[in-house]
Every structure is written in structure tokens, then in C-alpha cells.
Protein backbone atom coordinates (compact mmCIF):
# COMPACT_ATOMS: atom_id res chain seq x y z
CA UNK A 1 0.01 0.03 0.02
CA UNK A 2 1.18 3.51 -0.75
CA UNK A 3 0.21 6.76 0.82
CA UNK A 4 -1.72 7.55 -2.33
CA UNK A 5 -4.01 4.47 -2.16
CA UNK A 6 -7.65 5.32 -1.47
CA UNK A 7 -7.71 3.37 1.79
CA UNK A 8 -4.48 5.04 3.14
CA UNK A 9 -4.56 8.57 4.38
CA UNK A 10 -2.64 11.07 6.39
CA UNK A 11 -5.67 13.43 6.75
CA UNK A 12 -5.89 15.18 10.13
CA UNK A 13 -9.57 14.14 10.48
CA UNK A 14 -8.56 10.43 10.11
CA UNK A 15 -5.89 10.88 12.77
CA UNK A 16 -8.54 12.46 15.10
CA UNK A 17 -10.78 9.48 14.36
CA UNK A 18 -8.00 7.11 15.52
CA UNK A 19 -7.66 9.00 18.76
CA UNK A 20 -11.47 9.13 19.25
CA UNK A 21 -11.76 5.33 18.84
CA UNK A 22 -8.86 4.77 21.24
CA UNK A 23 -10.49 7.05 23.88
CA UNK A 24 -13.65 4.95 23.72
CA UNK A 25 -11.82 1.67 24.11
CA UNK A 26 -9.38 2.92 26.86
CA UNK A 27 -7.47 -0.41 27.32
CA UNK A 28 -4.81 -1.45 24.82
CA UNK A 29 -2.90 -4.62 24.48
CA UNK A 30 0.66 -3.33 24.20
CA UNK A 31 3.01 -5.70 22.44
CA UNK A 32 6.79 -5.27 22.47
CA UNK A 33 9.71 -7.47 21.53
CA UNK A 34 10.98 -9.33 24.59
CA UNK A 35 13.57 -11.88 25.37
CA UNK A 36 14.64 -14.04 22.42
CA UNK A 37 12.80 -11.73 19.94
CA UNK A 38 9.43 -12.99 21.09
CA UNK A 39 6.45 -10.63 21.23
CA UNK A 40 5.11 -9.99 24.68
CA UNK A 41 1.78 -8.26 25.13
CA UNK A 42 0.09 -6.90 28.22
CA UNK A 43 -3.05 -4.82 28.88
CA UNK A 44 -2.37 -1.15 29.51
CA UNK A 45 -4.73 1.66 30.33
CA UNK A 46 -4.27 4.60 27.96
CA UNK A 47 -3.88 8.04 29.61
CA UNK A 48 -6.72 10.50 29.77
CA UNK A 49 -6.23 11.68 26.20
CA UNK A 50 -3.59 12.02 23.50
CA UNK A 51 -1.07 14.70 24.49
CA UNK A 52 1.24 16.22 21.95
CA UNK A 53 0.06 13.72 19.31
CA UNK A 54 1.12 10.73 21.29
CA UNK A 55 -0.52 8.06 23.55
CA UNK A 56 0.74 7.91 27.09
CA UNK A 57 0.70 5.07 29.67
CA UNK A 58 1.61 5.19 33.38
CA UNK A 59 3.78 2.16 34.41
CA UNK A 60 6.02 0.96 37.20
CA UNK A 61 9.65 2.15 36.48
CA UNK A 62 10.85 -1.25 37.65
CA UNK A 63 8.72 -3.37 35.34
CA UNK A 64 10.26 -5.60 32.70
CA UNK A 65 8.57 -3.72 29.88
CA UNK A 66 10.79 -0.71 30.51
CA UNK A 67 13.89 -2.76 29.79
CA UNK A 68 12.22 -4.32 26.70
CA UNK A 69 11.31 -0.91 25.30
CA UNK A 70 14.70 0.56 26.01
CA UNK A 71 16.26 -2.25 23.99
CA UNK A 72 13.65 -2.31 21.18
CA UNK A 73 11.18 0.69 21.14
CA UNK A 74 8.85 -0.71 18.44
CA UNK A 75 5.37 -1.36 19.80
CA UNK A 76 1.98 -2.51 18.58
CA UNK A 77 -1.12 -1.25 20.37
CA UNK A 78 -4.36 -3.07 19.81
CA UNK A 79 -7.74 -1.64 20.98
CA UNK A 80 -11.16 -3.30 20.85
CA UNK A 81 -14.54 -1.87 21.71
CA UNK A 82 -16.81 -4.80 21.17
CA UNK A 83 -19.96 -2.99 22.18
CA UNK A 84 -19.46 -0.51 19.29
CA UNK A 85 -17.70 -2.95 16.93
CA UNK A 86 -14.67 -0.57 16.73
CA UNK A 87 -11.12 -1.84 16.46
CA UNK A 88 -7.81 -0.04 16.18
CA UNK A 89 -4.21 -1.21 15.62
CA UNK A 90 -1.38 1.25 16.02
CA UNK A 91 2.32 0.72 15.25
CA UNK A 92 4.60 3.13 16.83
CA UNK A 93 7.76 3.95 18.70
CA UNK A 94 7.91 4.08 22.52
CA UNK A 95 10.10 6.24 24.67
CA UNK A 96 10.40 6.22 28.50
CA UNK A 97 9.90 9.36 30.52
CA UNK A 98 9.86 10.37 34.21
CA UNK A 99 8.68 13.92 33.67
CA UNK A 100 6.77 14.83 36.82
CA UNK A 101 4.75 17.53 35.07
CA UNK A 102 3.57 15.01 32.49
CA UNK A 103 2.76 12.50 35.18
CA UNK A 104 0.64 15.02 37.00
CA UNK A 105 -1.07 15.98 33.68
CA UNK A 106 -1.93 12.33 32.92
CA UNK A 107 -2.74 11.25 36.45
CA UNK A 108 -6.23 9.91 37.16
CA UNK A 109 -7.47 8.64 40.48
CA UNK A 110 -8.01 5.01 39.36
CA UNK A 111 -4.21 4.81 38.91
CA UNK A 112 -3.92 4.98 42.74
CA UNK A 113 -4.61 1.21 42.73
CA UNK A 114 -1.15 0.66 41.36
CA UNK A 115 0.45 3.75 42.77
CA UNK A 116 -0.92 4.37 46.26
CA UNK A 117 1.30 7.44 46.86
CA UNK A 118 -0.35 9.26 44.00
CA UNK A 119 1.31 11.14 41.13
CA UNK A 120 4.43 11.87 43.18
CA UNK A 121 5.13 8.13 43.68
CA UNK A 122 8.76 7.74 42.61
CA UNK A 123 7.98 4.32 41.00
CA UNK A 124 5.94 5.95 38.23
CA UNK A 125 7.35 6.13 34.79
CA UNK A 126 5.61 7.06 31.47
CA UNK A 127 5.61 5.21 28.25
CA UNK A 128 5.06 7.64 25.40
CA UNK A 129 3.97 6.01 22.13
CA UNK A 130 4.38 8.06 18.92
CA UNK A 131 2.01 6.58 16.40
CA UNK A 132 3.55 5.93 13.01
CA UNK A 133 0.75 4.10 11.29
CA UNK A 134 -2.71 2.95 12.43
CA UNK A 135 -5.59 0.98 10.96
CA UNK A 136 -9.12 1.13 12.20
CA UNK A 137 -12.39 -0.62 11.59
CA UNK A 138 -15.47 1.38 12.67
CA UNK A 139 -18.49 -0.75 12.09
CA UNK A 140 -22.04 0.06 13.00
CA UNK A 141 -23.10 -2.20 15.86
CA UNK A 142 -26.82 -1.89 15.15
CA UNK A 143 -28.77 -5.10 15.31
CA UNK A 144 -30.65 -4.02 12.17
CA UNK A 145 -27.40 -3.70 10.21
CA UNK A 146 -26.39 -7.23 11.23
CA UNK A 147 -29.84 -8.60 10.53
CA UNK A 148 -29.82 -7.02 7.06
CA UNK A 149 -26.41 -8.58 6.33
CA UNK A 150 -27.63 -12.00 7.48
CA UNK A 151 -30.87 -11.72 5.49
CA UNK A 152 -29.03 -10.65 2.36
CA UNK A 153 -26.65 -13.60 2.66
CA UNK A 154 -29.45 -16.07 3.18
CA UNK A 155 -31.56 -14.72 0.31
CA UNK A 156 -28.88 -14.07 -2.29
CA UNK A 157 -25.97 -16.22 -1.16
CA UNK A 158 -23.74 -13.13 -1.28
CA UNK A 159 -22.12 -11.48 1.64
CA UNK A 160 -23.34 -7.93 2.46
CA UNK A 161 -21.37 -5.00 1.05
CA UNK A 162 -18.66 -3.83 3.40
CA UNK A 163 -20.42 -2.11 6.23
CA UNK A 164 -17.30 -1.08 8.29
CA UNK A 165 -15.28 2.04 7.72
CA UNK A 166 -11.74 0.73 7.37
CA UNK A 167 -8.79 3.07 6.92
CA UNK A 168 -5.06 3.05 7.31
CA UNK A 169 -3.77 6.30 8.73
CA UNK A 170 -0.18 7.45 8.36
CA UNK A 171 0.99 9.67 11.18
CA UNK A 172 4.56 10.42 9.85
């Protein structure tokens, strides 16, 4: 695929759509290359909102993922909102930060479960993921849409026309 293909875009509205879908899903599976070149994925809560065009995650500075990301910063984030039938995959580059101002800006009270001392907890580090390319599927979750598709398939033997909005979004 090239950046000029109809399903690939770098349009700011498409970038905003990626961040909107991510905000609705909130939890990502973050995959990074671990020991022996094997992918390792773990669930991560995305920070309040994108900040400076990046996605942010609070994490324990002593966790193994920090070492993984320092050795190989490529990550894959995968989001799923099954209720709305929205799915997002983001490839990007991660960097580690301990900027207290950013930690305070991204802090939310539910994080206290992992960091009881609050945003000033010295164990907190940030993972900043700079998106490079994303793909999203935004499908209507309406029961009527699904029933229509099923009925069309049963009557004509043909699958329904594509009902999901599927785009690849280039960030760089």
C-alpha cells in the first residue's frame, strides 16, 4: 500500500478518528519485543487523552517492559470496543519518561490502585507511544445492520457490502 492508495490517508480528520476510537476503548494490548525476539503483550490503560500527538501510559519504572522498550522501542497497540464494533491497531515507537509535570497531567485517580502514593510516587514512569501508522475498523453495531447482512446472505448467497469504515492512517 502506498500513501496515495484510497484506503490510506494522512488526513488530520482520520488521525482524530483514531484517537477518538482509542479514547472509547481505553485499554490497549501493548506488544513489544521481549527476550529471544518474542512478542510480549500486556493490557495497559491509555492516559486520559492524547497529549502532543502521542499516547501515554503510566507504568512501574521497575517493570520488565521498561527494559524491553529501552532495547527495542517498536510497539503495537491493539484496541477493541466490542460493544461499538470498533477496532484499532497502532504501530509506533515508545520512549520512557519520568517527567513529573507530564505524570501530573496524565494522572487519574483510578491509577492509585497501582500507585498508592499518588502522582508523586517515585515508582511511576511514563511510556510515550508516537504513532507511525494505524488501521481502524469502525463498524455500525446496530442489530438492524447485522440482521440486514444476514438476510441478504441467506436470500442471495452473497455477503453484504462492506459495512465497516476501514482506513489506514499514516502519522509520519
